[in-house]
C-alpha atoms as a PDB file:
ATOM      1  CA  UNK A   1      88.029  44.022  75.123  1.00  0.00           C
ATOM      2  CA  UNK A   2      90.844  46.067  73.587  1.00  0.00           C
ATOM      3  CA  UNK A   3      94.031  44.188  72.808  1.00  0.00           C
ATOM      4  CA  UNK A   4      97.505  45.616  72.554  1.00  0.00           C
ATOM      5  CA  UNK A   5      98.270  46.146  68.902  1.00  0.00           C
ATOM      6  CA  UNK A   6     101.560  45.898  67.093  1.00  0.00           C
ATOM      7  CA  UNK A   7     104.430  48.176  68.022  1.00  0.00           C
ATOM      8  CA  UNK A   8     104.524  51.439  66.156  1.00  0.00           C
ATOM      9  CA  UNK A   9     107.755  52.262  64.367  1.00  0.00           C
ATOM     10  CA  UNK A  10     110.006  54.734  66.100  1.00  0.00           C
ATOM     11  CA  UNK A  11     108.931  55.121  69.698  1.00  0.00           C
ATOM     12  CA  UNK A  12     108.061  51.500  70.584  1.00  0.00           C
ATOM     13  CA  UNK A  13     104.567  52.503  71.732  1.00  0.00           C
ATOM     14  CA  UNK A  14     101.697  50.076  71.204  1.00  0.00           C
ATOM     15  CA  UNK A  15      98.239  50.731  69.858  1.00  0.00           C
ATOM     16  CA  UNK A  16      95.313  49.743  72.041  1.00  0.00           C
ATOM     17  CA  UNK A  17      92.448  49.075  69.665  1.00  0.00           C
ATOM     18  CA  UNK A  18      89.739  46.497  69.158  1.00  0.00           C
ATOM     19  CA  UNK A  19      90.928  43.589  66.988  1.00  0.00           C
ATOM     20  CA  UNK A  20      88.348  44.205  64.261  1.00  0.00           C
ATOM     21  CA  UNK A  21      89.792  47.671  63.685  1.00  0.00           C
ATOM     22  CA  UNK A  22      93.090  46.124  62.571  1.00  0.00           C
ATOM     23  CA  UNK A  23      91.287  44.092  59.900  1.00  0.00           C
ATOM     24  CA  UNK A  24      88.707  46.653  58.842  1.00  0.00           C
ATOM     25  CA  UNK A  25      85.957  44.474  60.306  1.00  0.00           C
ATOM     26  CA  UNK A  26      86.898  41.449  58.193  1.00  0.00           C
ATOM     27  CA  UNK A  27      86.953  38.039  59.859  1.00  0.00           C
ATOM     28  CA  UNK A  28      88.050  35.783  56.985  1.00  0.00           C
ATOM     29  CA  UNK A  29      91.429  35.732  55.273  1.00  0.00           C
ATOM     30  CA  UNK A  30      91.543  35.884  51.473  1.00  0.00           C
ATOM     31  CA  UNK A  31      93.577  32.631  51.573  1.00  0.00           C
ATOM     32  CA  UNK A  32      93.111  29.449  53.616  1.00  0.00           C
ATOM     33  CA  UNK A  33      95.695  29.363  56.409  1.00  0.00           C
ATOM     34  CA  UNK A  34      96.105  26.622  58.995  1.00  0.00           C
ATOM     35  CA  UNK A  35      97.618  27.189  62.423  1.00  0.00           C
ATOM     36  CA  UNK A  36     100.790  25.381  61.386  1.00  0.00           C
ATOM     37  CA  UNK A  37     101.119  27.033  57.971  1.00  0.00           C
ATOM     38  CA  UNK A  38     104.557  28.544  57.481  1.00  0.00           C
ATOM     39  CA  UNK A  39     104.809  31.983  55.912  1.00  0.00           C
ATOM     40  CA  UNK A  40     107.823  34.043  54.945  1.00  0.00           C
ATOM     41  CA  UNK A  41     108.570  37.262  53.119  1.00  0.00           C
ATOM     42  CA  UNK A  42     109.236  37.395  49.403  1.00  0.00           C
ATOM     43  CA  UNK A  43     112.389  39.168  48.224  1.00  0.00           C
ATOM     44  CA  UNK A  44     111.791  42.902  47.877  1.00  0.00           C
ATOM     45  CA  UNK A  45     108.429  42.686  49.613  1.00  0.00           C
ATOM     46  CA  UNK A  46     106.753  45.382  51.577  1.00  0.00           C
ATOM     47  CA  UNK A  47     107.861  48.820  50.482  1.00  0.00           C
ATOM     48  CA  UNK A  48     104.256  50.004  50.756  1.00  0.00           C
ATOM     49  CA  UNK A  49     102.275  48.150  53.418  1.00  0.00           C
ATOM     50  CA  UNK A  50      98.801  49.396  54.339  1.00  0.00           C
ATOM     51  CA  UNK A  51      99.141  49.657  58.118  1.00  0.00           C
ATOM     52  CA  UNK A  52     101.489  49.343  61.094  1.00  0.00           C
ATOM     53  CA  UNK A  53      99.857  45.983  61.853  1.00  0.00           C
ATOM     54  CA  UNK A  54     100.734  44.699  58.385  1.00  0.00           C
ATOM     55  CA  UNK A  55     104.279  46.054  58.795  1.00  0.00           C
ATOM     56  CA  UNK A  56     104.651  44.210  62.128  1.00  0.00           C
ATOM     57  CA  UNK A  57     103.531  40.948  60.495  1.00  0.00           C
ATOM     58  CA  UNK A  58     105.870  41.483  57.557  1.00  0.00           C
ATOM     59  CA  UNK A  59     108.799  42.203  59.882  1.00  0.00           C
ATOM     60  CA  UNK A  60     108.055  39.057  61.911  1.00  0.00           C
ATOM     61  CA  UNK A  61     107.936  36.920  58.766  1.00  0.00           C
ATOM     62  CA  UNK A  62     111.456  37.907  57.667  1.00  0.00           C
ATOM     63  CA  UNK A  63     112.297  34.441  58.992  1.00  0.00           C
ATOM     64  CA  UNK A  64     109.679  31.841  58.039  1.00  0.00           C
ATOM     65  CA  UNK A  65     107.318  31.116  60.922  1.00  0.00           C
ATOM     66  CA  UNK A  66     103.869  29.671  61.546  1.00  0.00           C
ATOM     67  CA  UNK A  67     100.633  31.632  61.633  1.00  0.00           C
ATOM     68  CA  UNK A  68     100.421  30.869  65.355  1.00  0.00           C
ATOM     69  CA  UNK A  69     103.897  32.289  65.972  1.00  0.00           C
ATOM     70  CA  UNK A  70     102.998  35.465  64.103  1.00  0.00           C
ATOM     71  CA  UNK A  71      99.885  35.967  66.232  1.00  0.00           C
ATOM     72  CA  UNK A  72     101.799  35.386  69.460  1.00  0.00           C
ATOM     73  CA  UNK A  73     104.807  37.575  68.711  1.00  0.00           C
ATOM     74  CA  UNK A  74     102.913  40.425  67.069  1.00  0.00           C
ATOM     75  CA  UNK A  75     100.398  40.370  69.915  1.00  0.00           C
ATOM     76  CA  UNK A  76      97.145  40.017  67.990  1.00  0.00           C
ATOM     77  CA  UNK A  77      94.417  37.352  68.155  1.00  0.00           C
ATOM     78  CA  UNK A  78      94.827  34.395  65.806  1.00  0.00           C
ATOM     79  CA  UNK A  79      91.904  35.426  63.582  1.00  0.00           C
ATOM     80  CA  UNK A  80      93.373  38.891  63.138  1.00  0.00           C
ATOM     81  CA  UNK A  81      96.771  37.410  62.288  1.00  0.00           C
ATOM     82  CA  UNK A  82      95.153  35.193  59.641  1.00  0.00           C
ATOM     83  CA  UNK A  83      93.452  38.167  57.995  1.00  0.00           C
ATOM     84  CA  UNK A  84      96.604  40.309  58.057  1.00  0.00           C
ATOM     85  CA  UNK A  85      98.742  37.466  56.701  1.00  0.00           C
ATOM     86  CA  UNK A  86      96.115  36.740  54.044  1.00  0.00           C
ATOM     87  CA  UNK A  87      96.210  40.370  52.932  1.00  0.00           C
ATOM     88  CA  UNK A  88      99.988  40.230  52.579  1.00  0.00           C
ATOM     89  CA  UNK A  89      99.871  36.897  50.716  1.00  0.00           C
ATOM     90  CA  UNK A  90      97.270  38.302  48.313  1.00  0.00           C
ATOM     91  CA  UNK A  91      99.460  41.381  47.773  1.00  0.00           C
ATOM     92  CA  UNK A  92     102.460  39.171  46.993  1.00  0.00           C
ATOM     93  CA  UNK A  93     104.490  40.311  50.001  1.00  0.00           C
ATOM     94  CA  UNK A  94     104.392  36.935  51.795  1.00  0.00           C
ATOM     95  CA  UNK A  95     104.884  33.402  50.532  1.00  0.00           C
ATOM     96  CA  UNK A  96     102.964  30.438  51.972  1.00  0.00           C
ATOM     97  CA  UNK A  97     105.230  27.421  52.353  1.00  0.00           C
ATOM     98  CA  UNK A  98     103.693  23.988  51.807  1.00  0.00           C
ATOM     99  CA  UNK A  99     102.743  21.966  54.869  1.00  0.00           C
ATOM    100  CA  UNK A 100     102.769  18.228  55.398  1.00  0.00           C
ATOM    101  CA  UNK A 101      98.963  18.212  55.474  1.00  0.00           C
ATOM    102  CA  UNK A 102      98.804  19.965  52.101  1.00  0.00           C
ATOM    103  CA  UNK A 103     100.700  17.089  50.455  1.00  0.00           C
ATOM    104  CA  UNK A 104      98.777  14.323  52.253  1.00  0.00           C
ATOM    105  CA  UNK A 105      96.504  12.080  50.178  1.00  0.00           C
ATOM    106  CA  UNK A 106      92.760  12.588  50.303  1.00  0.00           C
ATOM    107  CA  UNK A 107      90.955  10.671  53.090  1.00  0.00           C
ATOM    108  CA  UNK A 108      88.349   9.337  50.648  1.00  0.00           C
ATOM    109  CA  UNK A 109      91.097   7.938  48.412  1.00  0.00           C
ATOM    110  CA  UNK A 110      92.752   6.220  51.366  1.00  0.00           C
ATOM    111  CA  UNK A 111      89.413   4.704  52.412  1.00  0.00           C
ATOM    112  CA  UNK A 112      88.849   3.310  48.883  1.00  0.00           C
ATOM    113  CA  UNK A 113      92.357   1.816  48.825  1.00  0.00           C
ATOM    114  CA  UNK A 114      91.784   0.213  52.229  1.00  0.00           C
ATOM    115  CA  UNK A 115      88.447  -1.230  51.085  1.00  0.00           C
ATOM    116  CA  UNK A 116      90.139  -2.632  47.975  1.00  0.00           C
ATOM    117  CA  UNK A 117      92.896  -4.218  50.034  1.00  0.00           C
ATOM    118  CA  UNK A 118      90.361  -5.830  52.366  1.00  0.00           C
ATOM    119  CA  UNK A 119      88.588  -7.389  49.373  1.00  0.00           C
ATOM    120  CA  UNK A 120      91.806  -9.125  48.228  1.00  0.00           C
END
């Protein structure tokens, strides 16, 4: 089913293409991105972006927002947003902000600590 693509610069028209066209058929992002991961633009980023879809993502990320917010406001499926964001992160145009889950201790470590405390 075709989905409305990002707005084209100038006339405000939208593309109507299959989602895989926006990503070149790719389904996995070059970086691991959670739904809640915050992304924002880097200073001076984006003079040469590969497509209107990438430009729409870059414009949306001028203010840090989550991957889910990008997908919703740009109007692309979540998987497509992850691939587009991943492309821009790999190109150095976007910065991935740390999340609370990224700083959380490992589950296996917590289980070992709990076992040790129970043995006391």
